[in-house]
N, C-alpha and C. Protein backbone atom coordinates (compact mmCIF):
# COMPACT_ATOMS: atom_id res chain seq x y z
N MET A 1 91.66 140.86 -30.64
CA MET A 1 90.44 140.82 -29.91
C MET A 1 90.23 139.44 -29.28
N LYS A 2 89.68 139.45 -28.07
CA LYS A 2 89.49 138.18 -27.36
C LYS A 2 88.16 137.55 -27.76
N SER A 3 88.17 136.26 -27.81
CA SER A 3 86.94 135.55 -28.18
C SER A 3 86.00 135.44 -27.00
N SER A 4 84.78 135.17 -27.27
CA SER A 4 83.78 135.03 -26.20
C SER A 4 84.03 133.77 -25.37
N ASN A 5 84.64 132.78 -25.97
CA ASN A 5 84.99 131.56 -25.22
C ASN A 5 85.98 131.86 -24.11
N THR A 6 86.90 132.78 -24.35
CA THR A 6 87.88 133.15 -23.33
C THR A 6 87.17 133.83 -22.17
N HIS A 7 86.22 134.72 -22.47
CA HIS A 7 85.47 135.40 -21.41
C HIS A 7 84.62 134.41 -20.63
N LYS A 8 83.99 133.48 -21.33
CA LYS A 8 83.16 132.47 -20.66
C LYS A 8 84.03 131.56 -19.79
N GLY A 9 85.17 131.17 -20.30
CA GLY A 9 86.09 130.31 -19.52
C GLY A 9 86.61 131.02 -18.28
N ALA A 10 86.96 132.29 -18.43
CA ALA A 10 87.43 133.08 -17.28
C ALA A 10 86.32 133.23 -16.25
N ALA A 11 85.09 133.48 -16.72
CA ALA A 11 83.97 133.63 -15.80
C ALA A 11 83.70 132.34 -15.05
N ILE A 12 83.80 131.21 -15.73
CA ILE A 12 83.58 129.90 -15.08
C ILE A 12 84.67 129.63 -14.03
N LEU A 13 85.93 129.94 -14.35
CA LEU A 13 87.02 129.74 -13.38
C LEU A 13 86.85 130.65 -12.17
N ILE A 14 86.42 131.89 -12.42
CA ILE A 14 86.19 132.81 -11.29
C ILE A 14 85.08 132.27 -10.41
N LEU A 15 84.00 131.77 -10.99
CA LEU A 15 82.90 131.20 -10.21
C LEU A 15 83.35 129.96 -9.43
N ILE A 16 84.13 129.12 -10.06
CA ILE A 16 84.61 127.89 -9.38
C ILE A 16 85.51 128.26 -8.20
N PHE A 17 86.49 129.15 -8.43
CA PHE A 17 87.40 129.54 -7.35
C PHE A 17 86.66 130.32 -6.26
N SER A 18 85.69 131.13 -6.62
CA SER A 18 84.89 131.85 -5.63
C SER A 18 84.09 130.87 -4.78
N ALA A 19 83.49 129.86 -5.40
CA ALA A 19 82.71 128.85 -4.67
C ALA A 19 83.62 128.07 -3.72
N ILE A 20 84.79 127.67 -4.21
CA ILE A 20 85.74 126.95 -3.33
C ILE A 20 86.16 127.84 -2.17
N PHE A 21 86.44 129.10 -2.45
CA PHE A 21 86.84 130.04 -1.40
C PHE A 21 85.73 130.20 -0.37
N LEU A 22 84.47 130.34 -0.82
CA LEU A 22 83.35 130.48 0.11
C LEU A 22 83.13 129.22 0.94
N ILE A 23 83.30 128.06 0.33
CA ILE A 23 83.14 126.79 1.07
C ILE A 23 84.22 126.67 2.15
N ILE A 24 85.46 126.95 1.79
CA ILE A 24 86.56 126.85 2.77
C ILE A 24 86.39 127.89 3.87
N THR A 25 86.06 129.12 3.50
CA THR A 25 85.84 130.18 4.49
C THR A 25 84.68 129.82 5.41
N GLY A 26 83.61 129.29 4.84
CA GLY A 26 82.46 128.87 5.65
C GLY A 26 82.83 127.77 6.62
N ARG A 27 83.64 126.82 6.18
CA ARG A 27 84.07 125.72 7.07
C ARG A 27 84.92 126.27 8.21
N PHE A 28 85.85 127.17 7.90
CA PHE A 28 86.68 127.79 8.94
C PHE A 28 85.82 128.55 9.95
N LEU A 29 84.83 129.30 9.47
CA LEU A 29 83.95 130.05 10.37
C LEU A 29 83.13 129.11 11.24
N TYR A 30 82.67 128.00 10.66
CA TYR A 30 81.91 127.01 11.42
C TYR A 30 82.79 126.40 12.52
N ILE A 31 84.00 126.02 12.17
CA ILE A 31 84.93 125.43 13.15
C ILE A 31 85.25 126.45 14.24
N GLN A 32 85.45 127.71 13.84
CA GLN A 32 85.78 128.76 14.80
C GLN A 32 84.63 128.98 15.78
N SER A 33 83.40 128.96 15.29
CA SER A 33 82.26 129.25 16.15
C SER A 33 81.87 128.06 17.03
N THR A 34 81.99 126.83 16.53
CA THR A 34 81.57 125.67 17.31
C THR A 34 82.71 125.00 18.06
N ALA A 35 83.95 125.22 17.65
CA ALA A 35 85.13 124.58 18.24
C ALA A 35 85.00 123.06 18.23
N GLU A 36 84.44 122.54 17.14
CA GLU A 36 84.23 121.10 17.04
C GLU A 36 84.43 120.64 15.61
N ILE A 37 85.11 119.49 15.46
CA ILE A 37 85.28 118.87 14.16
C ILE A 37 84.90 117.41 14.29
N GLU A 38 83.92 116.98 13.52
CA GLU A 38 83.46 115.59 13.51
C GLU A 38 83.22 115.05 14.92
N GLY A 39 82.57 115.86 15.76
CA GLY A 39 82.22 115.45 17.11
C GLY A 39 83.35 115.55 18.13
N VAL A 40 84.53 116.01 17.72
CA VAL A 40 85.67 116.15 18.63
C VAL A 40 85.75 117.60 19.07
N ASN A 41 85.66 117.82 20.38
CA ASN A 41 85.78 119.17 20.91
C ASN A 41 87.24 119.59 20.84
N LEU A 42 87.51 120.65 20.11
CA LEU A 42 88.90 121.07 19.88
C LEU A 42 89.55 121.61 21.14
N ASN A 43 88.77 122.24 22.02
CA ASN A 43 89.35 122.75 23.27
C ASN A 43 89.87 121.61 24.14
N GLU A 44 89.06 120.56 24.28
CA GLU A 44 89.49 119.40 25.08
C GLU A 44 90.68 118.69 24.42
N TRP A 45 90.62 118.53 23.11
CA TRP A 45 91.71 117.88 22.38
C TRP A 45 93.01 118.66 22.54
N ALA A 46 92.95 119.99 22.43
CA ALA A 46 94.14 120.82 22.57
C ALA A 46 94.69 120.75 23.99
N GLU A 47 93.80 120.71 24.97
CA GLU A 47 94.25 120.61 26.37
C GLU A 47 95.00 119.29 26.60
N LYS A 48 94.48 118.21 26.05
CA LYS A 48 95.16 116.92 26.18
C LYS A 48 96.50 116.92 25.45
N ALA A 49 96.54 117.57 24.30
CA ALA A 49 97.77 117.60 23.51
C ALA A 49 98.85 118.46 24.16
N ARG A 50 98.44 119.52 24.85
CA ARG A 50 99.40 120.44 25.45
C ARG A 50 99.89 120.01 26.82
N THR A 51 99.05 119.32 27.54
CA THR A 51 99.42 118.96 28.91
C THR A 51 99.58 117.46 29.03
N SER A 52 100.58 117.08 29.77
CA SER A 52 100.79 115.68 30.09
C SER A 52 101.57 115.63 31.39
N SER A 53 101.38 114.57 32.11
CA SER A 53 102.12 114.43 33.36
C SER A 53 102.80 113.07 33.38
N TYR A 54 104.01 113.08 33.79
CA TYR A 54 104.79 111.86 33.93
C TYR A 54 105.89 112.14 34.94
N SER A 55 106.34 111.10 35.58
CA SER A 55 107.38 111.28 36.59
C SER A 55 108.75 111.11 35.96
N LEU A 56 109.66 111.92 36.43
CA LEU A 56 111.04 111.84 35.98
C LEU A 56 111.90 111.38 37.14
N ASP A 57 112.75 110.41 36.87
CA ASP A 57 113.68 110.00 37.90
C ASP A 57 114.71 111.11 38.07
N ALA A 58 115.00 111.42 39.30
CA ALA A 58 115.92 112.52 39.59
C ALA A 58 117.33 112.00 39.80
N ASP A 59 117.80 111.17 38.89
CA ASP A 59 119.16 110.65 38.99
C ASP A 59 120.14 111.75 38.61
N ARG A 60 121.07 112.02 39.50
CA ARG A 60 122.05 113.06 39.23
C ARG A 60 123.32 112.48 38.64
N GLY A 61 123.53 111.23 38.80
CA GLY A 61 124.75 110.62 38.26
C GLY A 61 125.89 110.66 39.26
N ASN A 62 126.96 110.03 38.90
CA ASN A 62 128.13 109.96 39.77
C ASN A 62 129.04 111.17 39.53
N ILE A 63 129.78 111.54 40.56
CA ILE A 63 130.75 112.63 40.46
C ILE A 63 132.13 112.04 40.74
N TYR A 64 133.04 112.26 39.79
CA TYR A 64 134.39 111.73 39.89
C TYR A 64 135.39 112.87 39.97
N ASP A 65 136.52 112.61 40.60
CA ASP A 65 137.59 113.60 40.56
C ASP A 65 138.41 113.40 39.28
N LYS A 66 139.45 114.20 39.11
CA LYS A 66 140.21 114.14 37.85
C LYS A 66 140.94 112.82 37.65
N ASN A 67 141.14 112.04 38.72
CA ASN A 67 141.80 110.75 38.63
C ASN A 67 140.82 109.60 38.43
N GLY A 68 139.54 109.93 38.34
CA GLY A 68 138.53 108.89 38.14
C GLY A 68 138.03 108.26 39.42
N MET A 69 138.38 108.83 40.56
CA MET A 69 137.92 108.29 41.85
C MET A 69 136.50 108.81 42.12
N LEU A 70 135.65 107.92 42.54
CA LEU A 70 134.26 108.26 42.81
C LEU A 70 134.17 109.13 44.06
N LEU A 71 133.61 110.32 43.92
CA LEU A 71 133.46 111.24 45.04
C LEU A 71 132.05 111.23 45.62
N ALA A 72 131.05 111.18 44.74
CA ALA A 72 129.66 111.20 45.19
C ALA A 72 128.81 110.39 44.22
N TYR A 73 127.75 109.81 44.73
CA TYR A 73 126.84 109.03 43.90
C TYR A 73 125.45 109.11 44.48
N ASP A 74 124.46 108.78 43.65
CA ASP A 74 123.08 108.76 44.10
C ASP A 74 122.86 107.54 44.97
N ARG A 75 122.16 107.78 46.04
CA ARG A 75 121.83 106.68 46.93
C ARG A 75 120.45 106.97 47.50
N PRO A 76 119.52 106.05 47.37
CA PRO A 76 118.20 106.32 47.94
C PRO A 76 118.27 106.35 49.46
N THR A 77 117.53 107.26 50.03
CA THR A 77 117.43 107.33 51.49
C THR A 77 115.96 107.30 51.87
N TYR A 78 115.72 106.82 53.04
CA TYR A 78 114.36 106.71 53.53
C TYR A 78 114.30 107.27 54.94
N LYS A 79 113.16 107.79 55.27
CA LYS A 79 112.93 108.28 56.62
C LYS A 79 111.89 107.38 57.26
N LEU A 80 112.11 107.06 58.49
CA LEU A 80 111.20 106.19 59.20
C LEU A 80 110.45 107.03 60.23
N TYR A 81 109.15 107.00 60.14
CA TYR A 81 108.31 107.78 61.04
C TYR A 81 107.46 106.83 61.87
N ALA A 82 107.15 107.27 63.05
CA ALA A 82 106.22 106.53 63.90
C ALA A 82 105.08 107.47 64.26
N VAL A 83 103.87 107.02 64.05
CA VAL A 83 102.70 107.82 64.39
C VAL A 83 102.42 107.59 65.86
N VAL A 84 102.43 108.65 66.62
CA VAL A 84 102.23 108.52 68.07
C VAL A 84 100.92 109.14 68.51
N ASP A 85 100.26 109.86 67.63
CA ASP A 85 99.01 110.54 67.98
C ASP A 85 97.83 109.62 67.70
N PRO A 86 97.03 109.29 68.70
CA PRO A 86 95.88 108.39 68.50
C PRO A 86 94.84 108.96 67.53
N GLU A 87 94.85 110.25 67.30
CA GLU A 87 93.89 110.88 66.39
C GLU A 87 94.02 110.33 64.97
N TYR A 88 95.22 109.86 64.58
CA TYR A 88 95.43 109.36 63.22
C TYR A 88 94.72 108.05 62.95
N SER A 89 94.40 107.32 63.97
CA SER A 89 93.76 106.02 63.74
C SER A 89 92.47 105.89 64.54
N ARG A 90 91.81 106.97 64.74
CA ARG A 90 90.58 106.96 65.51
C ARG A 90 89.51 106.09 64.86
N SER A 91 89.40 106.13 63.53
CA SER A 91 88.35 105.40 62.83
C SER A 91 88.74 103.95 62.51
N GLU A 92 89.93 103.54 62.81
CA GLU A 92 90.40 102.19 62.49
C GLU A 92 90.01 101.21 63.59
N GLU A 93 89.77 99.93 63.19
CA GLU A 93 89.50 98.90 64.18
C GLU A 93 90.75 98.60 65.00
N GLU A 94 91.87 98.44 64.27
CA GLU A 94 93.15 98.24 64.93
C GLU A 94 93.88 99.56 64.95
N PRO A 95 94.55 99.89 66.03
CA PRO A 95 95.27 101.17 66.08
C PRO A 95 96.39 101.22 65.05
N GLU A 96 96.53 102.36 64.38
CA GLU A 96 97.59 102.58 63.41
C GLU A 96 98.70 103.44 64.01
N HIS A 97 98.65 103.65 65.29
CA HIS A 97 99.66 104.47 65.95
C HIS A 97 100.37 103.63 67.02
N VAL A 98 101.49 104.12 67.48
CA VAL A 98 102.28 103.41 68.48
C VAL A 98 101.57 103.54 69.83
N THR A 99 101.20 102.39 70.39
CA THR A 99 100.55 102.41 71.70
C THR A 99 101.49 101.89 72.79
N ASN A 100 102.52 101.13 72.40
CA ASN A 100 103.45 100.58 73.37
C ASN A 100 104.88 100.91 72.91
N PRO A 101 105.46 102.00 73.42
CA PRO A 101 106.80 102.40 72.98
C PRO A 101 107.88 101.37 73.27
N GLU A 102 107.75 100.63 74.36
CA GLU A 102 108.77 99.64 74.72
C GLU A 102 108.82 98.52 73.69
N GLU A 103 107.68 97.98 73.33
CA GLU A 103 107.64 96.88 72.38
C GLU A 103 108.06 97.36 70.98
N THR A 104 107.62 98.55 70.59
CA THR A 104 108.02 99.12 69.31
C THR A 104 109.53 99.29 69.24
N ALA A 105 110.11 99.81 70.31
CA ALA A 105 111.56 100.01 70.37
C ALA A 105 112.30 98.67 70.28
N SER A 106 111.78 97.64 70.93
CA SER A 106 112.47 96.34 70.89
C SER A 106 112.42 95.73 69.49
N VAL A 107 111.36 95.99 68.72
CA VAL A 107 111.28 95.47 67.35
C VAL A 107 112.20 96.26 66.43
N LEU A 108 112.24 97.59 66.57
CA LEU A 108 113.01 98.43 65.67
C LEU A 108 114.51 98.47 65.97
N ALA A 109 114.89 98.31 67.19
CA ALA A 109 116.30 98.47 67.59
C ALA A 109 117.26 97.59 66.78
N PRO A 110 117.02 96.30 66.61
CA PRO A 110 117.97 95.50 65.83
C PRO A 110 118.01 95.89 64.35
N LEU A 111 116.90 96.36 63.82
CA LEU A 111 116.86 96.76 62.41
C LEU A 111 117.61 98.06 62.16
N LEU A 112 117.58 98.95 63.13
CA LEU A 112 118.17 100.28 62.96
C LEU A 112 119.56 100.42 63.59
N ASN A 113 120.02 99.36 64.21
CA ASN A 113 121.30 99.42 64.93
C ASN A 113 121.32 100.58 65.92
N MET A 114 120.23 100.69 66.66
CA MET A 114 120.12 101.72 67.69
C MET A 114 119.77 101.04 69.00
N GLU A 115 120.00 101.75 70.06
CA GLU A 115 119.64 101.24 71.38
C GLU A 115 118.12 101.34 71.57
N GLU A 116 117.56 100.33 72.22
CA GLU A 116 116.12 100.36 72.50
C GLU A 116 115.75 101.58 73.31
N SER A 117 116.57 101.91 74.26
CA SER A 117 116.27 103.05 75.14
C SER A 117 116.20 104.36 74.36
N GLU A 118 117.06 104.51 73.35
CA GLU A 118 117.06 105.73 72.55
C GLU A 118 115.77 105.85 71.73
N ILE A 119 115.34 104.74 71.13
CA ILE A 119 114.11 104.74 70.34
C ILE A 119 112.91 105.00 71.25
N GLU A 120 112.90 104.32 72.38
CA GLU A 120 111.80 104.48 73.33
C GLU A 120 111.73 105.92 73.83
N GLU A 121 112.88 106.50 74.09
CA GLU A 121 112.93 107.89 74.56
C GLU A 121 112.39 108.85 73.50
N ARG A 122 112.76 108.61 72.24
CA ARG A 122 112.28 109.47 71.15
C ARG A 122 110.77 109.35 70.99
N ILE A 123 110.25 108.14 71.09
CA ILE A 123 108.80 107.95 70.97
C ILE A 123 108.09 108.66 72.11
N THR A 124 108.62 108.52 73.30
CA THR A 124 108.00 109.15 74.47
C THR A 124 108.03 110.68 74.34
N GLU A 125 109.15 111.21 73.89
CA GLU A 125 109.25 112.67 73.68
C GLU A 125 108.30 113.12 72.58
N ALA A 126 108.18 112.29 71.55
CA ALA A 126 107.34 112.65 70.42
C ALA A 126 105.87 112.72 70.81
N ARG A 127 105.48 111.92 71.77
CA ARG A 127 104.10 111.98 72.23
C ARG A 127 103.78 113.37 72.78
N LYS A 128 104.78 113.99 73.36
CA LYS A 128 104.57 115.35 73.89
C LYS A 128 104.51 116.37 72.75
N MET A 129 105.29 116.13 71.68
CA MET A 129 105.36 117.10 70.58
C MET A 129 104.51 116.68 69.37
N ALA A 130 103.88 115.52 69.40
CA ALA A 130 103.05 114.98 68.30
C ALA A 130 103.84 114.83 67.01
N GLY A 131 105.08 114.40 67.09
CA GLY A 131 105.86 114.14 65.90
C GLY A 131 107.09 113.32 66.25
N PHE A 132 107.56 112.47 65.32
CA PHE A 132 108.67 111.57 65.61
C PHE A 132 109.38 111.22 64.33
N ARG A 133 110.71 111.26 64.37
CA ARG A 133 111.49 110.83 63.21
C ARG A 133 112.81 110.26 63.70
N LEU A 134 113.14 109.09 63.17
CA LEU A 134 114.43 108.51 63.50
C LEU A 134 115.51 109.20 62.68
N ASN A 135 116.73 109.11 63.13
CA ASN A 135 117.82 109.78 62.40
C ASN A 135 118.18 109.06 61.12
N SER A 136 119.28 109.42 60.52
CA SER A 136 119.66 108.91 59.20
C SER A 136 119.98 107.42 59.21
N ALA A 137 119.91 106.77 60.35
CA ALA A 137 120.16 105.33 60.39
C ALA A 137 119.08 104.57 59.63
N ALA A 138 117.93 105.20 59.43
CA ALA A 138 116.84 104.54 58.72
C ALA A 138 117.03 104.72 57.22
N ARG A 139 117.96 104.05 56.65
CA ARG A 139 118.28 104.18 55.22
C ARG A 139 117.74 102.98 54.45
N ASP A 140 118.20 102.82 53.24
CA ASP A 140 117.62 101.82 52.35
C ASP A 140 117.69 100.40 52.91
N VAL A 141 118.75 100.05 53.59
CA VAL A 141 118.88 98.68 54.12
C VAL A 141 117.80 98.42 55.15
N VAL A 142 117.58 99.39 56.01
CA VAL A 142 116.55 99.25 57.04
C VAL A 142 115.18 99.17 56.40
N TYR A 143 114.95 100.03 55.42
CA TYR A 143 113.67 100.03 54.72
C TYR A 143 113.40 98.66 54.11
N LEU A 144 114.40 98.10 53.45
CA LEU A 144 114.21 96.80 52.82
C LEU A 144 114.00 95.70 53.85
N LYS A 145 114.71 95.79 54.96
CA LYS A 145 114.51 94.78 56.01
C LYS A 145 113.09 94.84 56.54
N ILE A 146 112.61 96.05 56.78
CA ILE A 146 111.26 96.20 57.32
C ILE A 146 110.24 95.75 56.28
N LYS A 147 110.44 96.12 55.04
CA LYS A 147 109.51 95.74 53.98
C LYS A 147 109.52 94.23 53.79
N LYS A 148 110.71 93.61 53.84
CA LYS A 148 110.83 92.16 53.64
C LYS A 148 110.08 91.41 54.74
N LYS A 149 110.17 91.92 55.95
CA LYS A 149 109.48 91.27 57.05
C LYS A 149 108.00 91.65 57.10
N LYS A 150 107.60 92.59 56.21
CA LYS A 150 106.22 93.11 56.22
C LYS A 150 105.86 93.53 57.63
N LEU A 151 106.73 94.31 58.18
CA LEU A 151 106.61 94.72 59.58
C LEU A 151 105.57 95.81 59.73
N LYS A 152 104.58 95.52 60.51
CA LYS A 152 103.60 96.54 60.88
C LYS A 152 103.56 96.56 62.39
N ILE A 153 104.04 97.64 62.90
CA ILE A 153 104.10 97.74 64.35
C ILE A 153 102.85 98.47 64.82
N ARG A 154 102.03 97.77 65.49
CA ARG A 154 100.82 98.39 66.03
C ARG A 154 100.79 98.23 67.53
N SER A 155 101.83 97.70 68.07
CA SER A 155 101.83 97.43 69.51
C SER A 155 102.25 98.64 70.28
């Protein structure tokens, strides 16, 4: 036969575990309904934890043939554009578009190893089509030369 102390001890343990279960269940229900813990909104916290943005360099690496000779490599390229439409700089004090194709061509020609007449012709044609792009001659060396000189052609 079991003693009354065993029944009392079992009843006390059942009450303690039931109370702990109710407290934990109540806390879970509270968190579920408010979506907040200690003033931290869980929806915002989860959104920050799940999403992040960062840039990845798109380096593809070098390609070699079976003899170890370099076949292809990454090389930065740049495109050089000239704004020829006056609408782009309407609100500016100084024009941000090409207003003098001859002078612009004379500045760019030595940097791009192109003839002045070819650049001037492209700018003039672009005025008719509202768009202008120099060919692949405008690569990294040209970009660096222009950047080094802090060249801003507004003429």
